[in-house]
Protein backbone atom coordinates (compact mmCIF):
# COMPACT_ATOMS: atom_id res chain seq x y z
CA MET A 1 -3.51 -2.43 -20.28
CA ASP A 2 -1.71 -5.55 -19.04
CA GLU A 3 1.71 -3.88 -19.17
CA ASN A 4 2.02 -2.47 -15.64
CA PRO A 5 4.41 -4.64 -13.59
CA LYS A 6 6.22 -1.85 -11.74
CA ILE A 7 4.39 1.25 -12.96
CA ILE A 8 3.29 2.62 -9.58
CA PRO A 9 2.91 6.41 -9.21
CA ILE A 10 4.96 7.98 -6.41
CA SER A 11 1.76 9.56 -5.12
CA PHE A 12 0.22 6.15 -4.43
CA ALA A 13 3.33 4.67 -2.80
CA PRO A 14 2.89 6.45 0.58
CA LEU A 15 -0.85 5.79 0.43
CA ASP A 16 -0.32 2.04 0.15
CA PHE A 17 2.25 2.22 2.95
CA LEU A 18 -0.18 4.05 5.23
CA VAL A 19 -2.93 1.54 4.46
CA ALA A 20 -0.59 -1.35 5.24
CA MET A 21 0.49 0.27 8.51
CA VAL A 22 -3.14 0.84 9.56
CA CYS A 23 -4.04 -2.77 8.73
CA LEU A 24 -1.06 -4.05 10.75
CA ALA A 25 -1.89 -1.75 13.66
CA LEU A 26 -5.44 -3.16 13.71
CA VAL A 27 -4.31 -6.79 13.34
CA ILE A 28 -1.36 -6.82 15.78
CA PRO A 29 -3.41 -5.91 18.92
CA LEU A 30 -6.11 -8.42 17.99
């Protein structure tokens, strides 16, 4: 269970990117 250093599904990659973009978009204006 502890062996997952770079095992990230391609389906979750864009999701994480979108989440990061949304967080930045909310933080930058503030």
